[in-house]
Amino acid sequence: MIIDLIFDTAKDAHIGDEATIMYNRARQYTEEKLGKAERTENDSHFDDLANRTDQTKNYTEKLVKNTEAVLVPNPGCEGRPPDPEE
């Protein structure tokens, strides 16, 4: 019973932390949109890394999609290697 109360308190604290973070982000976004605060600018190195990450993600998704097409077995093969004399 006491252990359950301790874990419930930990969950409540975690939810409270998440709520605080979300509130702060919403406040910053609102202030930026209303012109009360300066928009946080990313440096060029971060922008470069973000672009490279997006490209890598796109290439990986294409690779996975095309790999699935290659790995589909040929129904005419019947699970045995082709005979070189045919």
C-alpha atoms as a PDB file:
ATOM      1  CA  MET A   1       0.000   0.000   0.000  1.00  0.00           C
ATOM      2  CA  ILE A   2       2.766   2.463   0.920  1.00  0.00           C
ATOM      3  CA  ILE A   3       4.778   1.415  -2.135  1.00  0.00           C
ATOM      4  CA  ASP A   4       1.782   2.144  -4.375  1.00  0.00           C
ATOM      5  CA  LEU A   5       1.567   5.659  -2.929  1.00  0.00           C
ATOM      6  CA  ILE A   6       5.254   6.256  -3.612  1.00  0.00           C
ATOM      7  CA  PHE A   7       4.949   5.154  -7.238  1.00  0.00           C
ATOM      8  CA  ASP A   8       1.774   7.201  -7.746  1.00  0.00           C
ATOM      9  CA  THR A   9       3.597  10.265  -6.417  1.00  0.00           C
ATOM     10  CA  ALA A  10       6.463   9.639  -8.836  1.00  0.00           C
ATOM     11  CA  LYS A  11       4.020   9.382 -11.746  1.00  0.00           C
ATOM     12  CA  ASP A  12       2.318  12.604 -10.680  1.00  0.00           C
ATOM     13  CA  ALA A  13       5.672  14.382 -10.478  1.00  0.00           C
ATOM     14  CA  HIS A  14       6.594  13.123 -13.945  1.00  0.00           C
ATOM     15  CA  ILE A  15       3.279  14.308 -15.388  1.00  0.00           C
ATOM     16  CA  GLY A  16       3.774  17.664 -13.693  1.00  0.00           C
ATOM     17  CA  ASP A  17       7.245  18.008 -15.234  1.00  0.00           C
ATOM     18  CA  GLU A  18       5.884  17.228 -18.682  1.00  0.00           C
ATOM     19  CA  ALA A  19       3.062  19.725 -18.229  1.00  0.00           C
ATOM     20  CA  THR A  20       5.545  22.425 -17.231  1.00  0.00           C
ATOM     21  CA  ILE A  21       7.685  21.750 -20.295  1.00  0.00           C
ATOM     22  CA  MET A  22       4.682  21.872 -22.612  1.00  0.00           C
ATOM     23  CA  TYR A  23       3.453  25.101 -20.995  1.00  0.00           C
ATOM     24  CA  ASN A  24       6.857  26.757 -21.426  1.00  0.00           C
ATOM     25  CA  ARG A  25       7.052  25.708 -25.081  1.00  0.00           C
ATOM     26  CA  ALA A  26       3.540  26.981 -25.781  1.00  0.00           C
ATOM     27  CA  ARG A  27       4.330  30.281 -24.070  1.00  0.00           C
ATOM     28  CA  GLN A  28       7.558  30.726 -26.055  1.00  0.00           C
ATOM     29  CA  TYR A  29       5.770  29.916 -29.338  1.00  0.00           C
ATOM     30  CA  THR A  30       2.982  32.385 -28.532  1.00  0.00           C
ATOM     31  CA  GLU A  31       5.410  35.149 -27.607  1.00  0.00           C
ATOM     32  CA  GLU A  32       7.349  34.576 -30.823  1.00  0.00           C
ATOM     33  CA  LYS A  33       4.178  34.702 -32.940  1.00  0.00           C
ATOM     34  CA  LEU A  34       2.900  37.838 -31.210  1.00  0.00           C
ATOM     35  CA  GLY A  35       6.247  39.562 -31.615  1.00  0.00           C
ATOM     36  CA  LYS A  36       6.978  39.880 -27.908  1.00  0.00           C
ATOM     37  CA  ALA A  37      10.087  37.708 -28.090  1.00  0.00           C
ATOM     38  CA  GLU A  38      12.828  37.142 -30.623  1.00  0.00           C
ATOM     39  CA  ARG A  39      12.691  33.933 -32.573  1.00  0.00           C
ATOM     40  CA  THR A  40      15.439  31.515 -31.615  1.00  0.00           C
ATOM     41  CA  GLU A  41      17.673  31.129 -34.650  1.00  0.00           C
ATOM     42  CA  ASN A  42      19.561  27.919 -35.375  1.00  0.00           C
ATOM     43  CA  ASP A  43      23.206  28.129 -36.342  1.00  0.00           C
ATOM     44  CA  SER A  44      24.255  27.012 -39.815  1.00  0.00           C
ATOM     45  CA  HIS A  45      25.931  23.835 -38.534  1.00  0.00           C
ATOM     46  CA  PHE A  46      22.674  22.693 -36.923  1.00  0.00           C
ATOM     47  CA  ASP A  47      20.711  23.463 -40.099  1.00  0.00           C
ATOM     48  CA  ASP A  48      23.237  21.470 -42.127  1.00  0.00           C
ATOM     49  CA  LEU A  49      22.929  18.494 -39.778  1.00  0.00           C
ATOM     50  CA  ALA A  50      19.132  18.686 -39.899  1.00  0.00           C
ATOM     51  CA  ASN A  51      19.172  18.656 -43.716  1.00  0.00           C
ATOM     52  CA  ARG A  52      21.603  15.728 -43.806  1.00  0.00           C
ATOM     53  CA  THR A  53      19.443  13.841 -41.318  1.00  0.00           C
ATOM     54  CA  ASP A  54      16.346  14.360 -43.467  1.00  0.00           C
ATOM     55  CA  GLN A  55      18.199  13.160 -46.569  1.00  0.00           C
ATOM     56  CA  THR A  56      19.498  10.091 -44.750  1.00  0.00           C
ATOM     57  CA  LYS A  57      15.987   9.292 -43.540  1.00  0.00           C
ATOM     58  CA  ASN A  58      14.593   9.580 -47.066  1.00  0.00           C
ATOM     59  CA  TYR A  59      17.340   7.368 -48.537  1.00  0.00           C
ATOM     60  CA  THR A  60      16.852   4.795 -45.782  1.00  0.00           C
ATOM     61  CA  GLU A  61      13.105   4.655 -46.407  1.00  0.00           C
ATOM     62  CA  LYS A  62      13.701   4.187 -50.153  1.00  0.00           C
ATOM     63  CA  LEU A  63      16.266   1.464 -49.442  1.00  0.00           C
ATOM     64  CA  VAL A  64      13.880  -0.422 -47.157  1.00  0.00           C
ATOM     65  CA  LYS A  65      11.057  -0.138 -49.693  1.00  0.00           C
ATOM     66  CA  ASN A  66      13.237  -1.373 -52.560  1.00  0.00           C
ATOM     67  CA  THR A  67      14.812  -4.120 -50.467  1.00  0.00           C
ATOM     68  CA  GLU A  68      11.386  -5.586 -49.776  1.00  0.00           C
ATOM     69  CA  ALA A  69      10.771  -5.765 -53.534  1.00  0.00           C
ATOM     70  CA  VAL A  70      14.066  -7.591 -54.078  1.00  0.00           C
ATOM     71  CA  LEU A  71      13.556 -10.057 -51.238  1.00  0.00           C
ATOM     72  CA  VAL A  72      10.178 -11.278 -52.499  1.00  0.00           C
ATOM     73  CA  PRO A  73      10.844 -14.830 -53.732  1.00  0.00           C
ATOM     74  CA  ASN A  74      10.287 -15.703 -57.345  1.00  0.00           C
ATOM     75  CA  PRO A  75       7.293 -18.062 -57.517  1.00  0.00           C
ATOM     76  CA  GLY A  76       8.816 -19.882 -60.510  1.00  0.00           C
ATOM     77  CA  CYS A  77      11.989 -20.760 -58.622  1.00  0.00           C
ATOM     78  CA  GLU A  78      10.298 -23.276 -56.287  1.00  0.00           C
ATOM     79  CA  GLY A  79      12.958 -22.821 -53.643  1.00  0.00           C
ATOM     80  CA  ARG A  80      15.866 -24.488 -55.473  1.00  0.00           C
ATOM     81  CA  PRO A  81      18.803 -22.830 -57.207  1.00  0.00           C
ATOM     82  CA  PRO A  82      18.625 -22.604 -60.999  1.00  0.00           C
ATOM     83  CA  ASP A  83      20.226 -25.406 -62.977  1.00  0.00           C
ATOM     84  CA  PRO A  84      23.212 -23.983 -64.922  1.00  0.00           C
ATOM     85  CA  GLU A  85      22.731 -26.501 -67.757  1.00  0.00           C
ATOM     86  CA  GLU A  86      19.186 -25.330 -68.556  1.00  0.00           C
END
